Amino acid sequence: MSPARRAPPAGSGRRPAGRTLHRALIAAESVLVLGVLKDWVWRQVLASTLPSSGKVALAMLTTIGLFGGFYVLVQRLFARGVSTTHRVAGRLPLLGTTLFVHAALLYVLFLLYARMLGLQVPTPFSP
């Protein structure tokens, strides 16, 4: 292996750029999914019969619960899943398979956000 392509020494805390990008994309996708859940929950809170102060308190508690719970879930479950998914995608014969999967997921999330906002966006599937 050439010196320019040598893996970082164990314990150095540095990851290859591809793996770092993969983790960053998973984090971004996770936050987007959480945003969808948060918006849905907040709509339910706003439609409730609680007084305004109760709605504000419930929205704050919901945010803490969603983000806090999601953070713990990501740390515990997704860390193992990311490693397994990365190994499987790395074995596939197509170059950029991992990036393709992320691009597809981000596109689906884009369409979901457009729908939530009541906006129409052009898609390859629209007439």
Protein backbone atom coordinates (compact mmCIF):
# COMPACT_ATOMS: atom_id res chain seq x y z
CA MET A 1 0.00 0.00 0.00
CA SER A 2 1.39 3.42 -0.91
CA PRO A 3 1.99 5.91 1.90
CA ALA A 4 -0.73 8.24 0.52
CA ARG A 5 -3.38 5.52 0.76
CA ARG A 6 -2.38 4.06 4.09
CA ALA A 7 -5.18 3.62 6.62
CA PRO A 8 -4.94 5.81 9.71
CA PRO A 9 -3.28 4.16 12.69
CA ALA A 10 -5.58 2.46 15.17
CA GLY A 11 -6.75 4.81 17.85
CA SER A 12 -5.88 7.93 15.84
CA GLY A 13 -9.56 8.93 15.77
CA ARG A 14 -9.44 9.60 12.03
CA ARG A 15 -11.82 7.85 9.64
CA PRO A 16 -11.56 7.50 5.88
CA ALA A 17 -13.42 10.30 4.08
CA GLY A 18 -16.00 7.92 2.55
CA ARG A 19 -17.02 6.56 5.91
CA THR A 20 -17.27 10.05 7.39
CA LEU A 21 -19.48 11.17 4.48
CA HIS A 22 -21.64 8.07 4.96
CA ARG A 23 -22.15 8.85 8.66
CA ALA A 24 -22.87 12.51 7.92
CA LEU A 25 -25.52 11.53 5.36
CA ILE A 26 -27.15 9.12 7.79
CA ALA A 27 -27.20 11.83 10.45
CA ALA A 28 -28.79 14.29 8.00
CA GLU A 29 -31.41 11.75 6.93
CA SER A 30 -32.18 10.95 10.56
CA VAL A 31 -32.71 14.62 11.42
CA LEU A 32 -35.02 15.03 8.41
CA VAL A 33 -37.11 12.04 9.48
CA LEU A 34 -37.24 13.49 12.99
CA GLY A 35 -38.45 16.79 11.52
CA VAL A 36 -41.35 14.98 9.86
CA LEU A 37 -42.29 13.35 13.16
CA LYS A 38 -41.98 16.64 15.04
CA ASP A 39 -44.22 18.48 12.58
CA TRP A 40 -46.85 15.74 12.77
CA VAL A 41 -46.82 15.75 16.58
CA TRP A 42 -47.01 19.55 16.72
CA ARG A 43 -50.02 19.58 14.43
CA GLN A 44 -51.73 17.18 16.84
CA VAL A 45 -50.78 19.40 19.80
CA LEU A 46 -52.05 22.56 18.10
CA ALA A 47 -55.34 20.85 17.21
CA SER A 48 -55.88 19.69 20.80
CA THR A 49 -58.27 21.36 23.21
CA LEU A 50 -55.53 22.27 25.69
CA PRO A 51 -55.11 25.90 26.70
CA SER A 52 -52.27 27.78 24.98
CA SER A 53 -49.89 27.39 27.93
CA GLY A 54 -50.54 23.64 27.93
CA LYS A 55 -49.88 23.45 24.19
CA VAL A 56 -46.57 25.29 24.58
CA ALA A 57 -45.50 23.05 27.47
CA LEU A 58 -46.54 19.91 25.58
CA ALA A 59 -44.70 21.07 22.44
CA MET A 60 -41.55 21.66 24.51
CA LEU A 61 -41.81 18.28 26.24
CA THR A 62 -42.45 16.57 22.92
CA THR A 63 -39.34 18.18 21.43
CA ILE A 64 -37.22 17.01 24.36
CA GLY A 65 -38.71 13.52 24.13
CA LEU A 66 -38.31 13.24 20.38
CA PHE A 67 -34.81 14.65 20.12
CA GLY A 68 -33.54 13.06 23.33
CA GLY A 69 -35.04 9.69 22.58
CA PHE A 70 -33.95 9.82 18.98
CA TYR A 71 -30.39 10.70 20.00
CA VAL A 72 -30.20 7.65 22.28
CA LEU A 73 -31.72 5.45 19.57
CA VAL A 74 -29.24 6.68 16.96
CA GLN A 75 -26.31 6.17 19.26
CA ARG A 76 -27.26 2.64 20.26
CA LEU A 77 -29.00 1.07 17.29
CA PHE A 78 -27.92 2.94 14.20
CA ALA A 79 -24.21 2.76 14.98
CA ARG A 80 -24.32 -1.03 14.55
CA GLY A 81 -26.63 -0.84 11.55
CA VAL A 82 -24.46 1.74 9.81
CA SER A 83 -21.44 -0.49 10.05
CA THR A 84 -23.32 -3.51 8.68
CA THR A 85 -24.97 -1.50 5.89
CA HIS A 86 -21.64 0.03 4.91
CA ARG A 87 -20.02 -3.42 4.65
CA VAL A 88 -22.91 -4.78 2.54
CA ALA A 89 -22.96 -1.75 0.23
CA GLY A 90 -19.19 -1.95 -0.13
CA ARG A 91 -19.50 -5.51 -1.47
CA LEU A 92 -21.97 -4.56 -4.19
CA PRO A 93 -20.42 -4.43 -7.66
CA LEU A 94 -21.65 -0.94 -8.57
CA LEU A 95 -19.52 2.08 -7.84
CA GLY A 96 -21.21 4.68 -5.71
CA THR A 97 -23.95 2.32 -4.53
CA THR A 98 -23.90 3.84 -1.07
CA LEU A 99 -24.21 7.35 -2.45
CA PHE A 100 -27.04 6.24 -4.71
CA VAL A 101 -28.98 4.82 -1.74
CA HIS A 102 -28.48 8.08 0.17
CA ALA A 103 -29.51 10.17 -2.84
CA ALA A 104 -32.68 8.10 -3.26
CA LEU A 105 -33.57 8.40 0.41
CA LEU A 106 -32.95 12.16 0.42
CA TYR A 107 -35.16 12.50 -2.67
CA VAL A 108 -37.99 10.60 -0.98
CA LEU A 109 -37.62 12.83 2.08
CA PHE A 110 -37.68 15.89 -0.22
CA LEU A 111 -40.98 14.71 -1.69
CA LEU A 112 -42.37 14.01 1.79
CA TYR A 113 -41.46 17.53 2.97
CA ALA A 114 -43.04 19.04 -0.14
CA ARG A 115 -46.24 17.13 0.58
CA MET A 116 -46.23 18.17 4.23
CA LEU A 117 -45.85 21.81 3.19
CA GLY A 118 -48.63 21.48 0.64
CA LEU A 119 -46.29 22.30 -2.24
CA GLN A 120 -46.13 20.64 -5.62
CA VAL A 121 -42.68 19.98 -7.00
CA PRO A 122 -41.85 18.52 -10.39
CA THR A 123 -40.88 14.87 -10.34
CA PRO A 124 -39.75 12.45 -13.03
CA PHE A 125 -43.01 10.56 -12.39
CA SER A 126 -45.39 13.50 -12.82
CA PRO A 127 -47.26 13.87 -16.13
